[in-house]
Amino acid sequence: MYNGLLHAHSGLRWIALILLVVAILNALTSRGKDTYLKKDKMINLFTMISLHTQLLIGLFLYFNSPRVQFTKGWMADAGLRFHGMEHLVGMLLAIVIITIGRKKAEKAATNDLKHKKIMTWYTIGLILILAFIPWPFREVLGGSWF
């Protein structure tokens, strides 16, 4: 079960990233228009749902992972520190920022402001997510593309 969820978490990251980029681009191209359509709301909602799904899978993996070990000296080991603390804290922060951004956008006074808030908050979240993914080119972390 662990391996299946690990592969799902790694593969679903691409869906979450694509939705995040689509939401940002949608907000960027919709700025200046005085509309906030159901399409806009659904893109933003599905983006947030995909990230929350990733969070739930990730939390299960966190508490069952052999890469998360709180043994003596775990903070000195880059791989253990990344999986035990940095990845979790970075992703939690990104998801909280995106969730706050969506809520602020829904409460914004104008449609243009709604798009601006989505664009700003989702971009900050995207930058954090990209920084805290265990990419394969970060060899010490042991990540994979899928």
C-alpha atoms as a PDB file:
ATOM      1  CA  MET A   1       0.000   0.000   0.000  1.00  0.00           C
ATOM      2  CA  TYR A   2       2.864   2.374   0.837  1.00  0.00           C
ATOM      3  CA  ASN A   3       4.492   1.993  -2.594  1.00  0.00           C
ATOM      4  CA  GLY A   4       1.181   2.519  -4.377  1.00  0.00           C
ATOM      5  CA  LEU A   5       0.491   5.715  -2.452  1.00  0.00           C
ATOM      6  CA  LEU A   6       4.066   6.901  -2.989  1.00  0.00           C
ATOM      7  CA  HIS A   7       3.666   6.495  -6.750  1.00  0.00           C
ATOM      8  CA  ALA A   8       0.230   8.142  -6.630  1.00  0.00           C
ATOM      9  CA  HIS A   9       1.660  11.070  -4.655  1.00  0.00           C
ATOM     10  CA  SER A  10       4.527  11.451  -7.126  1.00  0.00           C
ATOM     11  CA  GLY A  11       2.301  11.137 -10.198  1.00  0.00           C
ATOM     12  CA  LEU A  12      -0.537  13.318  -8.926  1.00  0.00           C
ATOM     13  CA  ARG A  13       1.966  16.097  -8.307  1.00  0.00           C
ATOM     14  CA  TRP A  14       1.903  16.748 -12.051  1.00  0.00           C
ATOM     15  CA  ILE A  15      -1.864  17.185 -12.074  1.00  0.00           C
ATOM     16  CA  ALA A  16      -1.654  19.558  -9.111  1.00  0.00           C
ATOM     17  CA  LEU A  17       1.163  21.560 -10.734  1.00  0.00           C
ATOM     18  CA  ILE A  18      -0.649  21.770 -14.076  1.00  0.00           C
ATOM     19  CA  LEU A  19      -3.862  22.918 -12.381  1.00  0.00           C
ATOM     20  CA  LEU A  20      -1.902  25.489 -10.401  1.00  0.00           C
ATOM     21  CA  VAL A  21      -0.270  26.882 -13.544  1.00  0.00           C
ATOM     22  CA  VAL A  22      -3.642  26.884 -15.363  1.00  0.00           C
ATOM     23  CA  ALA A  23      -5.250  28.784 -12.462  1.00  0.00           C
ATOM     24  CA  ILE A  24      -2.462  31.371 -12.470  1.00  0.00           C
ATOM     25  CA  LEU A  25      -2.587  31.806 -16.258  1.00  0.00           C
ATOM     26  CA  ASN A  26      -6.382  31.995 -16.162  1.00  0.00           C
ATOM     27  CA  ALA A  27      -6.218  34.741 -13.532  1.00  0.00           C
ATOM     28  CA  LEU A  28      -3.545  36.565 -15.528  1.00  0.00           C
ATOM     29  CA  THR A  29      -5.524  36.498 -18.772  1.00  0.00           C
ATOM     30  CA  SER A  30      -8.821  37.346 -17.037  1.00  0.00           C
ATOM     31  CA  ARG A  31      -7.490  40.453 -15.291  1.00  0.00           C
ATOM     32  CA  GLY A  32      -8.909  43.630 -16.725  1.00  0.00           C
ATOM     33  CA  LYS A  33     -12.140  41.903 -17.665  1.00  0.00           C
ATOM     34  CA  ASP A  34     -15.029  42.606 -15.373  1.00  0.00           C
ATOM     35  CA  THR A  35     -16.049  38.967 -15.115  1.00  0.00           C
ATOM     36  CA  TYR A  36     -15.469  36.177 -12.654  1.00  0.00           C
ATOM     37  CA  LEU A  37     -17.148  33.221 -14.278  1.00  0.00           C
ATOM     38  CA  LYS A  38     -18.077  29.826 -12.895  1.00  0.00           C
ATOM     39  CA  LYS A  39     -15.153  28.478 -14.964  1.00  0.00           C
ATOM     40  CA  ASP A  40     -12.754  30.689 -12.999  1.00  0.00           C
ATOM     41  CA  LYS A  41     -14.197  29.577  -9.687  1.00  0.00           C
ATOM     42  CA  MET A  42     -14.039  25.878 -10.660  1.00  0.00           C
ATOM     43  CA  ILE A  43     -10.419  26.057 -11.861  1.00  0.00           C
ATOM     44  CA  ASN A  44      -9.403  27.664  -8.572  1.00  0.00           C
ATOM     45  CA  LEU A  45     -11.438  25.174  -6.545  1.00  0.00           C
ATOM     46  CA  PHE A  46     -10.134  22.073  -8.348  1.00  0.00           C
ATOM     47  CA  THR A  47      -6.591  23.357  -7.942  1.00  0.00           C
ATOM     48  CA  MET A  48      -7.067  23.690  -4.212  1.00  0.00           C
ATOM     49  CA  ILE A  49      -8.774  20.279  -3.965  1.00  0.00           C
ATOM     50  CA  SER A  50      -5.900  18.596  -5.834  1.00  0.00           C
ATOM     51  CA  LEU A  51      -3.414  20.146  -3.413  1.00  0.00           C
ATOM     52  CA  HIS A  52      -5.446  19.089  -0.382  1.00  0.00           C
ATOM     53  CA  THR A  53      -5.616  15.553  -1.787  1.00  0.00           C
ATOM     54  CA  GLN A  54      -1.830  15.602  -2.175  1.00  0.00           C
ATOM     55  CA  LEU A  55      -1.589  16.762   1.444  1.00  0.00           C
ATOM     56  CA  LEU A  56      -3.698  13.865   2.726  1.00  0.00           C
ATOM     57  CA  ILE A  57      -1.693  11.288   0.776  1.00  0.00           C
ATOM     58  CA  GLY A  58       1.518  12.985   1.864  1.00  0.00           C
ATOM     59  CA  LEU A  59       0.567  12.906   5.535  1.00  0.00           C
ATOM     60  CA  PHE A  60      -0.090   9.177   5.336  1.00  0.00           C
ATOM     61  CA  LEU A  61       3.278   8.695   3.664  1.00  0.00           C
ATOM     62  CA  TYR A  62       5.002  10.920   6.212  1.00  0.00           C
ATOM     63  CA  PHE A  63       3.917   8.773   9.132  1.00  0.00           C
ATOM     64  CA  ASN A  64       4.769   5.511   7.330  1.00  0.00           C
ATOM     65  CA  SER A  65       7.907   6.428   5.411  1.00  0.00           C
ATOM     66  CA  PRO A  66      11.312   4.876   5.943  1.00  0.00           C
ATOM     67  CA  ARG A  67      12.741   8.225   4.781  1.00  0.00           C
ATOM     68  CA  VAL A  68      11.351   9.952   7.886  1.00  0.00           C
ATOM     69  CA  GLN A  69      13.467   8.926  10.857  1.00  0.00           C
ATOM     70  CA  PHE A  70      13.861  10.932  14.009  1.00  0.00           C
ATOM     71  CA  THR A  71      17.044   9.259  15.136  1.00  0.00           C
ATOM     72  CA  LYS A  72      20.018  10.978  16.708  1.00  0.00           C
ATOM     73  CA  GLY A  73      21.625  13.314  14.195  1.00  0.00           C
ATOM     74  CA  TRP A  74      18.749  13.272  11.699  1.00  0.00           C
ATOM     75  CA  MET A  75      18.980  17.052  11.255  1.00  0.00           C
ATOM     76  CA  ALA A  76      22.606  16.714  10.098  1.00  0.00           C
ATOM     77  CA  ASP A  77      21.598  14.323   7.304  1.00  0.00           C
ATOM     78  CA  ALA A  78      20.281  16.341   4.340  1.00  0.00           C
ATOM     79  CA  GLY A  79      17.952  13.585   3.089  1.00  0.00           C
ATOM     80  CA  LEU A  80      16.417  12.821   6.494  1.00  0.00           C
ATOM     81  CA  ARG A  81      16.063  16.522   7.295  1.00  0.00           C
ATOM     82  CA  PHE A  82      14.381  17.248   3.960  1.00  0.00           C
ATOM     83  CA  HIS A  83      11.835  14.433   4.255  1.00  0.00           C
ATOM     84  CA  GLY A  84      11.383  14.781   8.009  1.00  0.00           C
ATOM     85  CA  MET A  85      10.895  18.526   8.143  1.00  0.00           C
ATOM     86  CA  GLU A  86      11.569  20.715   5.096  1.00  0.00           C
ATOM     87  CA  HIS A  87       9.215  19.018   2.626  1.00  0.00           C
ATOM     88  CA  LEU A  88       6.355  18.857   5.131  1.00  0.00           C
ATOM     89  CA  VAL A  89       6.698  22.441   6.384  1.00  0.00           C
ATOM     90  CA  GLY A  90       7.204  23.886   2.889  1.00  0.00           C
ATOM     91  CA  MET A  91       4.224  22.091   1.398  1.00  0.00           C
ATOM     92  CA  LEU A  92       1.963  22.876   4.362  1.00  0.00           C
ATOM     93  CA  LEU A  93       2.898  26.533   4.061  1.00  0.00           C
ATOM     94  CA  ALA A  94       2.232  26.521   0.303  1.00  0.00           C
ATOM     95  CA  ILE A  95      -1.174  24.854   0.704  1.00  0.00           C
ATOM     96  CA  VAL A  96      -2.172  27.239   3.498  1.00  0.00           C
ATOM     97  CA  ILE A  97      -1.152  30.222   1.345  1.00  0.00           C
ATOM     98  CA  ILE A  98      -3.141  28.910  -1.629  1.00  0.00           C
ATOM     99  CA  THR A  99      -6.179  28.204   0.546  1.00  0.00           C
ATOM    100  CA  ILE A 100      -6.032  31.682   2.093  1.00  0.00           C
ATOM    101  CA  GLY A 101      -5.614  33.200  -1.357  1.00  0.00           C
ATOM    102  CA  ARG A 102      -8.671  31.431  -2.711  1.00  0.00           C
ATOM    103  CA  LYS A 103     -10.751  32.538   0.287  1.00  0.00           C
ATOM    104  CA  LYS A 104      -9.558  36.136  -0.072  1.00  0.00           C
ATOM    105  CA  ALA A 105     -10.350  36.038  -3.783  1.00  0.00           C
ATOM    106  CA  GLU A 106     -13.877  34.784  -3.161  1.00  0.00           C
ATOM    107  CA  LYS A 107     -14.458  37.667  -0.722  1.00  0.00           C
ATOM    108  CA  ALA A 108     -12.861  40.356  -2.918  1.00  0.00           C
ATOM    109  CA  ALA A 109     -15.023  43.336  -3.843  1.00  0.00           C
ATOM    110  CA  THR A 110     -14.378  43.377  -7.587  1.00  0.00           C
ATOM    111  CA  ASN A 111     -13.873  40.677 -10.184  1.00  0.00           C
ATOM    112  CA  ASP A 112     -10.512  42.150 -11.217  1.00  0.00           C
ATOM    113  CA  LEU A 113      -9.361  42.010  -7.591  1.00  0.00           C
ATOM    114  CA  LYS A 114     -10.462  38.362  -7.388  1.00  0.00           C
ATOM    115  CA  HIS A 115      -8.198  37.484 -10.310  1.00  0.00           C
ATOM    116  CA  LYS A 116      -5.342  39.545  -8.890  1.00  0.00           C
ATOM    117  CA  LYS A 117      -5.547  37.771  -5.534  1.00  0.00           C
ATOM    118  CA  ILE A 118      -5.599  34.326  -7.179  1.00  0.00           C
ATOM    119  CA  MET A 119      -2.643  35.250  -9.362  1.00  0.00           C
ATOM    120  CA  THR A 120      -0.616  36.594  -6.428  1.00  0.00           C
ATOM    121  CA  TRP A 121      -1.343  33.973  -3.779  1.00  0.00           C
ATOM    122  CA  TYR A 122      -1.253  30.991  -6.148  1.00  0.00           C
ATOM    123  CA  THR A 123       2.077  32.159  -7.611  1.00  0.00           C
ATOM    124  CA  ILE A 124       3.616  32.368  -4.139  1.00  0.00           C
ATOM    125  CA  GLY A 125       2.271  28.873  -3.429  1.00  0.00           C
ATOM    126  CA  LEU A 126       3.666  27.554  -6.724  1.00  0.00           C
ATOM    127  CA  ILE A 127       7.130  28.921  -5.963  1.00  0.00           C
ATOM    128  CA  LEU A 128       7.099  27.252  -2.541  1.00  0.00           C
ATOM    129  CA  ILE A 129       5.880  23.954  -3.977  1.00  0.00           C
ATOM    130  CA  LEU A 130       8.572  23.931  -6.664  1.00  0.00           C
ATOM    131  CA  ALA A 131      11.209  24.670  -4.020  1.00  0.00           C
ATOM    132  CA  PHE A 132      10.158  21.808  -1.748  1.00  0.00           C
ATOM    133  CA  ILE A 133       9.567  18.974  -4.225  1.00  0.00           C
ATOM    134  CA  PRO A 134      12.271  16.270  -3.968  1.00  0.00           C
ATOM    135  CA  TRP A 135      13.285  16.577  -7.623  1.00  0.00           C
ATOM    136  CA  PRO A 136      15.490  13.836  -9.121  1.00  0.00           C
ATOM    137  CA  PHE A 137      18.272  16.324  -9.866  1.00  0.00           C
ATOM    138  CA  ARG A 138      18.563  16.912  -6.119  1.00  0.00           C
ATOM    139  CA  GLU A 139      20.385  13.583  -5.763  1.00  0.00           C
ATOM    140  CA  VAL A 140      20.630  13.455  -1.989  1.00  0.00           C
ATOM    141  CA  LEU A 141      16.833  13.487  -1.726  1.00  0.00           C
ATOM    142  CA  GLY A 142      16.202  10.402  -3.840  1.00  0.00           C
ATOM    143  CA  GLY A 143      13.202  11.812  -5.690  1.00  0.00           C
ATOM    144  CA  SER A 144      11.833  10.578  -8.996  1.00  0.00           C
ATOM    145  CA  TRP A 145       9.945  12.104 -11.894  1.00  0.00           C
ATOM    146  CA  PHE A 146       6.921   9.829 -11.296  1.00  0.00           C
END
